[in-house]
Amino acid sequence: MSDGEGLAGSARPGGRTARTRDAVRRATLGELADKGFDGLTVEAVAARSGVHKTTVYRRWRNAAGLAADALDLAADEPWPVPDTGTIRGDLRAITELVRTGFADPDQGPTARALVSAAVHDPTTAAALRGFLIGRLAQAEPVVERAVERGELPVGTNPGEVLRSAVAPVYYRLFITREPVDAAHALRAADAAVSAARAGVFVIDGA
């Protein structure tokens, strides 16, 4: 994915550029948590990060660039993919991880702000899409292991199983704006398992 600013290849690990990018990212996430995307400004991020405003404008340009780059950096971070020994246990752990992530009092507001920003801004939408695709790719081994164990049919598409599991959680959170409790997350996972076992996600070339 791209943040539209050409930053993905510019940071050198341990260098000043990397430190600047990390400081700006932390400030961006802090501003998103406090004010949401609508309140995110280059000036506030510059003040919060201690990076000169001119530098922030030159490298990130605007709020969309700041939010997208924060997602770019997050996409490279490892995700705690479960390995419970069963596909039901793994998918239940994943849907619960999604649910609790958005409910977390510290991380939840930032995550919700980024999703809301993606609805209105194409730059952030592209970055969020890349972030989510990366998360799905990291989680695909839970389905691959289930196929190897004989829990799911050969040819089951891992990405489609995972999308089916988490989609109801996102739907309630961001479309209908309904509460999501642990029972909702478990049912979403169980429905995906049932469909997968029935061969719904067996796709040629998977």
N, C-alpha and C. Protein backbone atom coordinates (compact mmCIF):
# COMPACT_ATOMS: atom_id res chain seq x y z
N MET A 1 0.83 -1.19 0.00
CA MET A 1 0.00 0.00 0.00
C MET A 1 0.86 1.23 0.00
N SER A 2 0.25 2.36 -0.26
CA SER A 2 1.02 3.60 -0.33
C SER A 2 0.31 4.69 0.45
N ASP A 3 1.08 5.56 1.04
CA ASP A 3 0.48 6.69 1.76
C ASP A 3 0.45 7.93 0.90
N GLY A 4 0.89 7.83 -0.37
CA GLY A 4 0.86 8.96 -1.26
C GLY A 4 1.99 9.93 -1.07
N GLU A 5 2.91 9.64 -0.14
CA GLU A 5 3.97 10.59 0.16
C GLU A 5 5.36 10.06 -0.17
N GLY A 6 5.46 8.81 -0.66
CA GLY A 6 6.74 8.25 -1.02
C GLY A 6 7.64 7.99 0.16
N LEU A 7 7.05 7.71 1.34
CA LEU A 7 7.85 7.57 2.55
C LEU A 7 8.28 6.14 2.82
N ALA A 8 7.62 5.18 2.20
CA ALA A 8 7.83 3.79 2.59
C ALA A 8 9.28 3.36 2.47
N GLY A 9 10.01 3.88 1.49
CA GLY A 9 11.39 3.47 1.31
C GLY A 9 12.39 4.49 1.78
N SER A 10 11.95 5.51 2.51
CA SER A 10 12.86 6.61 2.83
C SER A 10 13.52 6.47 4.19
N ALA A 11 12.92 5.64 5.07
CA ALA A 11 13.44 5.57 6.43
C ALA A 11 14.57 4.55 6.53
N ARG A 12 15.65 4.94 7.19
CA ARG A 12 16.76 4.02 7.44
C ARG A 12 16.70 3.60 8.89
N PRO A 13 16.64 2.27 9.17
CA PRO A 13 16.55 1.82 10.56
C PRO A 13 17.63 2.45 11.43
N GLY A 14 17.19 3.09 12.51
CA GLY A 14 18.13 3.69 13.43
C GLY A 14 18.60 5.08 13.03
N GLY A 15 18.26 5.54 11.84
CA GLY A 15 18.70 6.85 11.38
C GLY A 15 17.76 7.95 11.82
N ARG A 16 18.17 9.18 11.53
CA ARG A 16 17.35 10.32 11.94
C ARG A 16 16.00 10.32 11.26
N THR A 17 15.95 9.90 9.98
CA THR A 17 14.68 9.84 9.27
C THR A 17 13.73 8.88 9.94
N ALA A 18 14.26 7.71 10.36
CA ALA A 18 13.42 6.73 11.04
C ALA A 18 12.89 7.27 12.36
N ARG A 19 13.75 7.96 13.10
CA ARG A 19 13.33 8.52 14.39
C ARG A 19 12.28 9.61 14.19
N THR A 20 12.46 10.41 13.17
CA THR A 20 11.49 11.46 12.88
C THR A 20 10.14 10.85 12.51
N ARG A 21 10.19 9.83 11.67
CA ARG A 21 8.95 9.18 11.24
C ARG A 21 8.23 8.56 12.42
N ASP A 22 8.97 7.93 13.32
CA ASP A 22 8.36 7.31 14.48
C ASP A 22 7.74 8.35 15.40
N ALA A 23 8.44 9.48 15.59
CA ALA A 23 7.90 10.54 16.45
C ALA A 23 6.61 11.11 15.87
N VAL A 24 6.61 11.30 14.55
CA VAL A 24 5.41 11.84 13.90
C VAL A 24 4.28 10.83 13.96
N ARG A 25 4.61 9.57 13.79
CA ARG A 25 3.56 8.56 13.87
C ARG A 25 2.94 8.52 15.26
N ARG A 26 3.77 8.54 16.30
CA ARG A 26 3.24 8.51 17.66
C ARG A 26 2.35 9.74 17.93
N ALA A 27 2.79 10.87 17.44
CA ALA A 27 2.00 12.09 17.62
C ALA A 27 0.68 12.00 16.85
N THR A 28 0.73 11.44 15.65
CA THR A 28 -0.48 11.27 14.84
C THR A 28 -1.48 10.39 15.56
N LEU A 29 -1.01 9.27 16.09
CA LEU A 29 -1.91 8.36 16.80
C LEU A 29 -2.49 9.02 18.05
N GLY A 30 -1.68 9.82 18.73
CA GLY A 30 -2.16 10.53 19.90
C GLY A 30 -3.24 11.54 19.55
N GLU A 31 -3.02 12.27 18.47
CA GLU A 31 -4.01 13.26 18.03
C GLU A 31 -5.30 12.58 17.57
N LEU A 32 -5.17 11.45 16.88
CA LEU A 32 -6.36 10.73 16.44
C LEU A 32 -7.17 10.24 17.63
N ALA A 33 -6.47 9.74 18.64
CA ALA A 33 -7.16 9.26 19.83
C ALA A 33 -7.89 10.39 20.55
N ASP A 34 -7.27 11.55 20.59
CA ASP A 34 -7.84 12.68 21.33
C ASP A 34 -8.92 13.43 20.55
N LYS A 35 -8.71 13.56 19.22
CA LYS A 35 -9.56 14.47 18.45
C LYS A 35 -10.25 13.84 17.25
N GLY A 36 -9.89 12.59 16.92
CA GLY A 36 -10.47 11.98 15.73
C GLY A 36 -9.83 12.52 14.46
N PHE A 37 -10.21 11.94 13.32
CA PHE A 37 -9.60 12.36 12.06
C PHE A 37 -9.96 13.80 11.72
N ASP A 38 -11.17 14.20 12.01
CA ASP A 38 -11.60 15.56 11.67
C ASP A 38 -10.78 16.61 12.42
N GLY A 39 -10.23 16.24 13.58
CA GLY A 39 -9.43 17.19 14.35
C GLY A 39 -7.94 17.06 14.13
N LEU A 40 -7.54 16.15 13.23
CA LEU A 40 -6.12 15.93 12.98
C LEU A 40 -5.55 17.02 12.09
N THR A 41 -4.48 17.70 12.53
CA THR A 41 -3.85 18.75 11.74
C THR A 41 -2.34 18.58 11.76
N VAL A 42 -1.71 19.08 10.72
CA VAL A 42 -0.25 19.04 10.64
C VAL A 42 0.36 19.85 11.78
N GLU A 43 -0.23 21.00 12.08
CA GLU A 43 0.30 21.86 13.13
C GLU A 43 0.30 21.16 14.48
N ALA A 44 -0.79 20.48 14.80
CA ALA A 44 -0.88 19.81 16.10
C ALA A 44 0.10 18.64 16.18
N VAL A 45 0.24 17.90 15.09
CA VAL A 45 1.19 16.78 15.08
C VAL A 45 2.62 17.29 15.21
N ALA A 46 2.92 18.38 14.53
CA ALA A 46 4.26 18.95 14.62
C ALA A 46 4.57 19.37 16.06
N ALA A 47 3.61 20.05 16.68
CA ALA A 47 3.83 20.49 18.06
C ALA A 47 3.97 19.31 19.02
N ARG A 48 3.17 18.30 18.81
CA ARG A 48 3.18 17.14 19.71
C ARG A 48 4.44 16.29 19.53
N SER A 49 4.92 16.21 18.31
CA SER A 49 6.08 15.35 18.01
C SER A 49 7.41 16.05 18.24
N GLY A 50 7.39 17.38 18.25
CA GLY A 50 8.64 18.12 18.34
C GLY A 50 9.37 18.23 17.01
N VAL A 51 8.72 17.83 15.93
CA VAL A 51 9.29 17.92 14.58
C VAL A 51 8.81 19.23 13.96
N HIS A 52 9.72 19.93 13.29
CA HIS A 52 9.37 21.24 12.74
C HIS A 52 8.20 21.12 11.77
N LYS A 53 7.30 22.08 11.85
CA LYS A 53 6.10 22.06 11.02
C LYS A 53 6.44 21.99 9.53
N THR A 54 7.47 22.68 9.12
CA THR A 54 7.86 22.66 7.71
C THR A 54 8.24 21.24 7.26
N THR A 55 8.93 20.52 8.12
CA THR A 55 9.31 19.15 7.81
C THR A 55 8.08 18.25 7.67
N VAL A 56 7.14 18.41 8.58
CA VAL A 56 5.92 17.59 8.54
C VAL A 56 5.13 17.90 7.26
N TYR A 57 4.99 19.17 6.93
CA TYR A 57 4.28 19.53 5.69
C TYR A 57 4.99 18.95 4.47
N ARG A 58 6.32 19.04 4.46
CA ARG A 58 7.06 18.59 3.28
C ARG A 58 6.94 17.08 3.08
N ARG A 59 7.00 16.33 4.15
CA ARG A 59 7.02 14.86 4.03
C ARG A 59 5.64 14.23 4.06
N TRP A 60 4.68 14.83 4.79
CA TRP A 60 3.36 14.21 4.92
C TRP A 60 2.24 15.04 4.29
N ARG A 61 2.47 16.30 4.09
CA ARG A 61 1.57 17.22 3.38
C ARG A 61 0.28 17.57 4.12
N ASN A 62 -0.46 16.56 4.61
CA ASN A 62 -1.76 16.84 5.20
C ASN A 62 -2.17 15.72 6.15
N ALA A 63 -3.37 15.85 6.71
CA ALA A 63 -3.85 14.86 7.68
C ALA A 63 -3.95 13.48 7.06
N ALA A 64 -4.38 13.40 5.82
CA ALA A 64 -4.51 12.11 5.15
C ALA A 64 -3.15 11.41 5.03
N GLY A 65 -2.13 12.17 4.69
CA GLY A 65 -0.81 11.60 4.59
C GLY A 65 -0.29 11.11 5.93
N LEU A 66 -0.59 11.84 6.98
CA LEU A 66 -0.18 11.43 8.33
C LEU A 66 -0.88 10.13 8.75
N ALA A 67 -2.19 10.07 8.53
CA ALA A 67 -2.94 8.87 8.93
C ALA A 67 -2.50 7.66 8.10
N ALA A 68 -2.31 7.86 6.81
CA ALA A 68 -1.92 6.76 5.94
C ALA A 68 -0.54 6.22 6.31
N ASP A 69 0.38 7.12 6.64
CA ASP A 69 1.73 6.65 6.98
C ASP A 69 1.73 5.91 8.32
N ALA A 70 0.87 6.32 9.24
CA ALA A 70 0.75 5.60 10.50
C ALA A 70 0.29 4.17 10.24
N LEU A 71 -0.63 4.00 9.30
CA LEU A 71 -1.09 2.67 8.93
C LEU A 71 0.00 1.88 8.22
N ASP A 72 0.76 2.55 7.38
CA ASP A 72 1.87 1.89 6.70
C ASP A 72 2.85 1.28 7.70
N LEU A 73 3.20 2.05 8.71
CA LEU A 73 4.13 1.57 9.72
C LEU A 73 3.52 0.43 10.53
N ALA A 74 2.24 0.54 10.86
CA ALA A 74 1.56 -0.50 11.64
C ALA A 74 1.48 -1.81 10.87
N ALA A 75 1.38 -1.72 9.54
CA ALA A 75 1.26 -2.93 8.73
C ALA A 75 2.48 -3.82 8.83
N ASP A 76 3.62 -3.25 9.18
CA ASP A 76 4.86 -4.03 9.29
C ASP A 76 5.01 -4.71 10.65
N GLU A 77 4.12 -4.40 11.58
CA GLU A 77 4.24 -4.96 12.92
C GLU A 77 3.59 -6.33 12.99
N PRO A 78 4.17 -7.25 13.75
CA PRO A 78 3.59 -8.60 13.85
C PRO A 78 2.27 -8.58 14.60
N TRP A 79 1.40 -9.50 14.23
CA TRP A 79 0.09 -9.63 14.85
C TRP A 79 0.08 -10.91 15.67
N PRO A 80 -0.49 -10.94 16.85
CA PRO A 80 -0.47 -12.16 17.68
C PRO A 80 -1.44 -13.22 17.16
N VAL A 81 -1.02 -13.95 16.14
CA VAL A 81 -1.88 -14.96 15.52
C VAL A 81 -1.98 -16.17 16.45
N PRO A 82 -3.19 -16.62 16.75
CA PRO A 82 -3.36 -17.72 17.70
C PRO A 82 -3.00 -19.08 17.10
N ASP A 83 -2.72 -20.02 17.96
CA ASP A 83 -2.50 -21.41 17.56
C ASP A 83 -3.05 -22.29 18.68
N THR A 84 -4.39 -22.45 18.71
CA THR A 84 -5.05 -23.17 19.78
C THR A 84 -5.13 -24.67 19.52
N GLY A 85 -4.85 -25.07 18.29
CA GLY A 85 -4.94 -26.49 17.94
C GLY A 85 -6.18 -26.85 17.17
N THR A 86 -7.16 -25.92 17.09
CA THR A 86 -8.37 -26.16 16.30
C THR A 86 -8.73 -24.90 15.54
N ILE A 87 -9.40 -25.06 14.41
CA ILE A 87 -9.80 -23.90 13.62
C ILE A 87 -10.86 -23.10 14.37
N ARG A 88 -11.74 -23.78 15.10
CA ARG A 88 -12.75 -23.06 15.86
C ARG A 88 -12.09 -22.18 16.93
N GLY A 89 -11.15 -22.75 17.65
CA GLY A 89 -10.46 -21.98 18.67
C GLY A 89 -9.68 -20.82 18.10
N ASP A 90 -9.02 -21.05 16.97
CA ASP A 90 -8.23 -19.98 16.36
C ASP A 90 -9.11 -18.84 15.87
N LEU A 91 -10.21 -19.16 15.17
CA LEU A 91 -11.08 -18.10 14.66
C LEU A 91 -11.78 -17.37 15.79
N ARG A 92 -12.15 -18.09 16.83
CA ARG A 92 -12.74 -17.41 17.98
C ARG A 92 -11.75 -16.43 18.61
N ALA A 93 -10.50 -16.84 18.69
CA ALA A 93 -9.48 -15.94 19.25
C ALA A 93 -9.29 -14.71 18.37
N ILE A 94 -9.36 -14.88 17.06
CA ILE A 94 -9.17 -13.76 16.15
C ILE A 94 -10.33 -12.78 16.22
N THR A 95 -11.57 -13.29 16.19
CA THR A 95 -12.71 -12.36 16.26
C THR A 95 -12.75 -11.65 17.60
N GLU A 96 -12.35 -12.32 18.67
CA GLU A 96 -12.30 -11.67 19.98
C GLU A 96 -11.19 -10.62 20.03
N LEU A 97 -10.08 -10.90 19.34
CA LEU A 97 -8.99 -9.94 19.29
C LEU A 97 -9.43 -8.67 18.57
N VAL A 98 -10.18 -8.83 17.49
CA VAL A 98 -10.70 -7.66 16.77
C VAL A 98 -11.67 -6.89 17.66
N ARG A 99 -12.57 -7.61 18.28
CA ARG A 99 -13.58 -6.95 19.12
C ARG A 99 -12.93 -6.17 20.26
N THR A 100 -12.03 -6.82 20.99
CA THR A 100 -11.43 -6.16 22.15
C THR A 100 -10.49 -5.04 21.73
N GLY A 101 -9.91 -5.15 20.53
CA GLY A 101 -9.04 -4.08 20.06
C GLY A 101 -9.80 -2.77 19.89
N PHE A 102 -10.99 -2.85 19.33
CA PHE A 102 -11.78 -1.64 19.15
C PHE A 102 -12.42 -1.17 20.45
N ALA A 103 -12.59 -2.09 21.39
CA ALA A 103 -13.18 -1.72 22.68
C ALA A 103 -12.15 -1.20 23.67
N ASP A 104 -10.87 -1.42 23.39
CA ASP A 104 -9.82 -1.01 24.31
C ASP A 104 -9.84 0.51 24.53
N PRO A 105 -9.83 0.96 25.77
CA PRO A 105 -9.94 2.40 26.03
C PRO A 105 -8.74 3.20 25.53
N ASP A 106 -7.59 2.58 25.38
CA ASP A 106 -6.41 3.29 24.90
C ASP A 106 -6.29 3.22 23.38
N GLN A 107 -6.38 2.01 22.81
CA GLN A 107 -6.17 1.83 21.38
C GLN A 107 -7.44 1.99 20.55
N GLY A 108 -8.59 1.70 21.18
CA GLY A 108 -9.85 1.72 20.44
C GLY A 108 -10.17 3.03 19.74
N PRO A 109 -10.07 4.17 20.43
CA PRO A 109 -10.41 5.44 19.76
C PRO A 109 -9.56 5.72 18.52
N THR A 110 -8.27 5.37 18.58
CA THR A 110 -7.41 5.58 17.42
C THR A 110 -7.81 4.66 16.28
N ALA A 111 -8.07 3.39 16.58
CA ALA A 111 -8.47 2.45 15.54
C ALA A 111 -9.78 2.87 14.89
N ARG A 112 -10.72 3.30 15.69
CA ARG A 112 -12.00 3.75 15.14
C ARG A 112 -11.82 5.01 14.28
N ALA A 113 -10.95 5.90 14.71
CA ALA A 113 -10.72 7.12 13.95
C ALA A 113 -10.12 6.81 12.58
N LEU A 114 -9.20 5.84 12.52
CA LEU A 114 -8.59 5.48 11.25
C LEU A 114 -9.60 4.85 10.30
N VAL A 115 -10.48 4.00 10.82
CA VAL A 115 -11.51 3.41 9.97
C VAL A 115 -12.47 4.48 9.48
N SER A 116 -12.86 5.38 10.37
CA SER A 116 -13.75 6.48 9.97
C SER A 116 -13.11 7.37 8.92
N ALA A 117 -11.81 7.62 9.08
CA ALA A 117 -11.10 8.43 8.09
C ALA A 117 -11.10 7.77 6.73
N ALA A 118 -10.98 6.45 6.70
CA ALA A 118 -10.93 5.73 5.44
C ALA A 118 -12.23 5.83 4.67
N VAL A 119 -13.33 6.03 5.38
CA VAL A 119 -14.62 6.17 4.72
C VAL A 119 -14.68 7.44 3.88
N HIS A 120 -13.98 8.48 4.33
CA HIS A 120 -14.07 9.79 3.70
C HIS A 120 -12.87 10.16 2.86
N ASP A 121 -11.74 9.50 3.07
CA ASP A 121 -10.51 9.92 2.40
C ASP A 121 -9.88 8.77 1.62
N PRO A 122 -9.68 8.91 0.30
CA PRO A 122 -9.16 7.81 -0.50
C PRO A 122 -7.73 7.42 -0.16
N THR A 123 -6.91 8.37 0.27
CA THR A 123 -5.53 8.04 0.65
C THR A 123 -5.51 7.13 1.86
N THR A 124 -6.29 7.50 2.87
CA THR A 124 -6.36 6.68 4.07
C THR A 124 -7.05 5.35 3.77
N ALA A 125 -8.04 5.36 2.89
CA ALA A 125 -8.73 4.12 2.52
C ALA A 125 -7.77 3.12 1.89
N ALA A 126 -6.89 3.60 1.01
CA ALA A 126 -5.91 2.71 0.38
C ALA A 126 -4.95 2.14 1.41
N ALA A 127 -4.53 2.98 2.35
CA ALA A 127 -3.61 2.52 3.39
C ALA A 127 -4.29 1.51 4.31
N LEU A 128 -5.55 1.76 4.67
CA LEU A 128 -6.27 0.83 5.54
C LEU A 128 -6.49 -0.50 4.83
N ARG A 129 -6.79 -0.45 3.54
CA ARG A 129 -6.97 -1.69 2.78
C ARG A 129 -5.68 -2.51 2.79
N GLY A 130 -4.56 -1.86 2.58
CA GLY A 130 -3.28 -2.56 2.62
C GLY A 130 -2.98 -3.12 4.01
N PHE A 131 -3.30 -2.35 5.03
CA PHE A 131 -3.09 -2.81 6.40
C PHE A 131 -3.90 -4.07 6.69
N LEU A 132 -5.19 -4.05 6.31
CA LEU A 132 -6.05 -5.19 6.59
C LEU A 132 -5.66 -6.42 5.77
N ILE A 133 -5.26 -6.20 4.53
CA ILE A 133 -4.79 -7.32 3.71
C ILE A 133 -3.56 -7.96 4.33
N GLY A 134 -2.68 -7.13 4.87
CA GLY A 134 -1.49 -7.64 5.54
C GLY A 134 -1.85 -8.45 6.78
N ARG A 135 -2.84 -7.97 7.55
CA ARG A 135 -3.28 -8.71 8.72
C ARG A 135 -3.87 -10.07 8.32
N LEU A 136 -4.67 -10.08 7.26
CA LEU A 136 -5.24 -11.35 6.80
C LEU A 136 -4.13 -12.32 6.39
N ALA A 137 -3.13 -11.80 5.70
CA ALA A 137 -2.03 -12.66 5.25
C ALA A 137 -1.29 -13.27 6.44
N GLN A 138 -1.11 -12.47 7.50
CA GLN A 138 -0.44 -12.99 8.70
C GLN A 138 -1.25 -14.09 9.37
N ALA A 139 -2.59 -14.00 9.25
CA ALA A 139 -3.46 -14.96 9.93
C ALA A 139 -3.78 -16.20 9.09
N GLU A 140 -3.42 -16.20 7.82
CA GLU A 140 -3.77 -17.32 6.95
C GLU A 140 -3.26 -18.68 7.45
N PRO A 141 -2.12 -18.75 8.16
CA PRO A 141 -1.68 -20.06 8.65
C PRO A 141 -2.70 -20.79 9.52
N VAL A 142 -3.61 -20.08 10.20
CA VAL A 142 -4.58 -20.79 11.03
C VAL A 142 -5.48 -21.66 10.16
N VAL A 143 -5.80 -21.18 8.96
CA VAL A 143 -6.63 -21.97 8.04
C VAL A 143 -5.80 -23.05 7.37
N GLU A 144 -4.58 -22.70 6.99
CA GLU A 144 -3.71 -23.69 6.35
C GLU A 144 -3.45 -24.87 7.27
N ARG A 145 -3.25 -24.60 8.56
CA ARG A 145 -3.04 -25.67 9.52
C ARG A 145 -4.29 -26.54 9.66
N ALA A 146 -5.46 -25.89 9.61
CA ALA A 146 -6.72 -26.65 9.72
C ALA A 146 -6.90 -27.59 8.54
N VAL A 147 -6.50 -27.14 7.35
CA VAL A 147 -6.57 -28.01 6.18
C VAL A 147 -5.62 -29.20 6.35
N GLU A 148 -4.42 -28.92 6.83
CA GLU A 148 -3.44 -30.00 7.04
C GLU A 148 -3.92 -31.01 8.09
N ARG A 149 -4.66 -30.53 9.09
CA ARG A 149 -5.18 -31.43 10.13
C ARG A 149 -6.41 -32.20 9.67
N GLY A 150 -6.97 -31.82 8.52
CA GLY A 150 -8.16 -32.47 8.03
C GLY A 150 -9.45 -31.87 8.56
N GLU A 151 -9.35 -30.71 9.22
CA GLU A 151 -10.55 -30.05 9.74
C GLU A 151 -11.36 -29.38 8.64
N LEU A 152 -10.66 -28.91 7.61
CA LEU A 152 -11.30 -28.21 6.50
C LEU A 152 -10.93 -28.88 5.19
N PRO A 153 -11.79 -28.74 4.17
CA PRO A 153 -11.52 -29.39 2.89
C PRO A 153 -10.27 -28.83 2.21
N VAL A 154 -9.59 -29.67 1.47
CA VAL A 154 -8.46 -29.23 0.65
C VAL A 154 -8.98 -28.20 -0.36
N GLY A 155 -8.20 -27.14 -0.57
CA GLY A 155 -8.61 -26.09 -1.49
C GLY A 155 -9.35 -24.94 -0.84
N THR A 156 -9.55 -25.03 0.49
CA THR A 156 -10.20 -23.93 1.21
C THR A 156 -9.35 -22.67 1.12
N ASN A 157 -9.96 -21.57 0.74
CA ASN A 157 -9.25 -20.31 0.59
C ASN A 157 -9.10 -19.64 1.96
N PRO A 158 -7.88 -19.51 2.47
CA PRO A 158 -7.69 -18.97 3.82
C PRO A 158 -8.25 -17.56 3.99
N GLY A 159 -7.98 -16.68 3.02
CA GLY A 159 -8.42 -15.30 3.15
C GLY A 159 -9.93 -15.17 3.23
N GLU A 160 -10.65 -16.00 2.46
CA GLU A 160 -12.11 -15.92 2.48
C GLU A 160 -12.67 -16.42 3.80
N VAL A 161 -12.07 -17.44 4.39
CA VAL A 161 -12.51 -17.92 5.71
C VAL A 161 -12.34 -16.81 6.75
N LEU A 162 -11.18 -16.16 6.73
CA LEU A 162 -10.90 -15.11 7.71
C LEU A 162 -11.82 -13.91 7.51
N ARG A 163 -12.05 -13.53 6.26
CA ARG A 163 -12.96 -12.40 6.00
C ARG A 163 -14.36 -12.72 6.52
N SER A 164 -14.80 -13.96 6.30
CA SER A 164 -16.12 -14.36 6.76
C SER A 164 -16.23 -14.29 8.28
N ALA A 165 -15.14 -14.59 8.97
CA ALA A 165 -15.16 -14.58 10.43
C ALA A 165 -15.23 -13.17 11.00
N VAL A 166 -14.42 -12.27 10.46
CA VAL A 166 -14.34 -10.93 11.06
C VAL A 166 -15.37 -9.95 10.51
N ALA A 167 -15.92 -10.24 9.33
CA ALA A 167 -16.84 -9.29 8.70
C ALA A 167 -18.04 -8.94 9.58
N PRO A 168 -18.69 -9.89 10.24
CA PRO A 168 -19.83 -9.50 11.09
C PRO A 168 -19.45 -8.55 12.22
N VAL A 169 -18.24 -8.69 12.73
CA VAL A 169 -17.80 -7.80 13.80
C VAL A 169 -17.66 -6.37 13.27
N TYR A 170 -17.00 -6.24 12.12
CA TYR A 170 -16.86 -4.92 11.52
C TYR A 170 -18.21 -4.34 11.13
N TYR A 171 -19.11 -5.19 10.66
CA TYR A 171 -20.44 -4.72 10.24
C TYR A 171 -21.18 -4.08 11.41
N ARG A 172 -21.18 -4.76 12.54
CA ARG A 172 -21.87 -4.22 13.70
C ARG A 172 -21.18 -2.96 14.21
N LEU A 173 -19.85 -2.94 14.17
CA LEU A 173 -19.12 -1.79 14.69
C LEU A 173 -19.30 -0.54 13.84
N PHE A 174 -19.23 -0.71 12.50
CA PHE A 174 -19.11 0.47 11.65
C PHE A 174 -20.26 0.70 10.67
N ILE A 175 -21.14 -0.29 10.49
CA ILE A 175 -22.28 -0.10 9.59
C ILE A 175 -23.55 0.15 10.38
N THR A 176 -23.91 -0.81 11.23
CA THR A 176 -25.14 -0.64 12.01
C THR A 176 -24.89 0.07 13.34
N ARG A 177 -23.61 0.21 13.73
CA ARG A 177 -23.24 0.88 14.98
C ARG A 177 -23.91 0.23 16.19
N GLU A 178 -23.97 -1.09 16.17
CA GLU A 178 -24.53 -1.84 17.28
C GLU A 178 -23.42 -2.30 18.22
N PRO A 179 -23.78 -2.57 19.47
CA PRO A 179 -22.77 -3.11 20.40
C PRO A 179 -22.28 -4.48 19.94
N VAL A 180 -21.04 -4.77 20.25
CA VAL A 180 -20.47 -6.08 19.93
C VAL A 180 -19.90 -6.66 21.22
N ASP A 181 -20.50 -7.74 21.70
CA ASP A 181 -19.96 -8.38 22.90
C ASP A 181 -19.27 -9.68 22.52
N ALA A 182 -18.76 -10.38 23.51
CA ALA A 182 -18.01 -11.60 23.26
C ALA A 182 -18.85 -12.65 22.54
N ALA A 183 -20.14 -12.72 22.87
CA ALA A 183 -21.01 -13.71 22.24
C ALA A 183 -21.14 -13.45 20.73
N HIS A 184 -21.24 -12.18 20.34
CA HIS A 184 -21.31 -11.85 18.91
C HIS A 184 -20.04 -12.30 18.20
N ALA A 185 -18.90 -12.05 18.82
CA ALA A 185 -17.62 -12.42 18.20
C ALA A 185 -17.51 -13.94 18.06
N LEU A 186 -17.94 -14.67 19.07
CA LEU A 186 -17.87 -16.13 19.01
C LEU A 186 -18.80 -16.68 17.93
N ARG A 187 -20.00 -16.14 17.83
CA ARG A 187 -20.94 -16.61 16.81
C ARG A 187 -20.41 -16.36 15.41
N ALA A 188 -19.77 -15.21 15.21
CA ALA A 188 -19.19 -14.91 13.90
C ALA A 188 -18.13 -15.94 13.53
N ALA A 189 -17.29 -16.29 14.49
CA ALA A 189 -16.26 -17.29 14.24
C ALA A 189 -16.88 -18.65 13.96
N ASP A 190 -17.86 -19.04 14.75
CA ASP A 190 -18.48 -20.35 14.59
C ASP A 190 -19.20 -20.47 13.24
N ALA A 191 -19.84 -19.39 12.80
CA ALA A 191 -20.51 -19.42 11.51
C ALA A 191 -19.50 -19.61 10.38
N ALA A 192 -18.35 -18.95 10.49
CA ALA A 192 -17.31 -19.11 9.48
C ALA A 192 -16.78 -20.53 9.45
N VAL A 193 -16.61 -21.13 10.63
CA VAL A 193 -16.14 -22.51 10.71
C VAL A 193 -17.14 -23.45 10.03
N SER A 194 -18.43 -23.28 10.33
CA SER A 194 -19.45 -24.14 9.74
C SER A 194 -19.46 -24.03 8.23
N ALA A 195 -19.38 -22.82 7.73
CA ALA A 195 -19.37 -22.61 6.29
C ALA A 195 -18.13 -23.22 5.65
N ALA A 196 -16.99 -23.04 6.31
CA ALA A 196 -15.74 -23.58 5.77
C ALA A 196 -15.77 -25.10 5.73
N ARG A 197 -16.28 -25.72 6.78
CA ARG A 197 -16.36 -27.18 6.82
C ARG A 197 -17.31 -27.70 5.73
N ALA A 198 -18.31 -26.93 5.38
CA ALA A 198 -19.25 -27.34 4.34
C ALA A 198 -18.70 -27.14 2.94
N GLY A 199 -17.51 -26.57 2.83
CA GLY A 199 -16.88 -26.38 1.52
C GLY A 199 -17.21 -25.09 0.82
N VAL A 200 -17.87 -24.17 1.56
CA VAL A 200 -18.27 -22.89 0.94
C VAL A 200 -17.06 -22.13 0.39
N PHE A 201 -15.91 -22.25 1.05
CA PHE A 201 -14.74 -21.45 0.66
C PHE A 201 -13.71 -22.24 -0.13
N VAL A 202 -14.12 -23.38 -0.65
CA VAL A 202 -13.22 -24.12 -1.54
C VAL A 202 -13.24 -23.43 -2.89
N ILE A 203 -12.08 -22.91 -3.28
CA ILE A 203 -11.98 -22.11 -4.51
C ILE A 203 -10.86 -22.70 -5.36
N ASP A 204 -11.14 -22.90 -6.63
CA ASP A 204 -10.11 -23.43 -7.54
C ASP A 204 -8.90 -22.52 -7.53
N GLY A 205 -7.73 -23.11 -7.35
CA GLY A 205 -6.50 -22.34 -7.36
C GLY A 205 -6.16 -21.75 -6.01
N ALA A 206 -6.96 -22.06 -4.98
CA ALA A 206 -6.68 -21.51 -3.64
C ALA A 206 -5.41 -22.11 -3.08
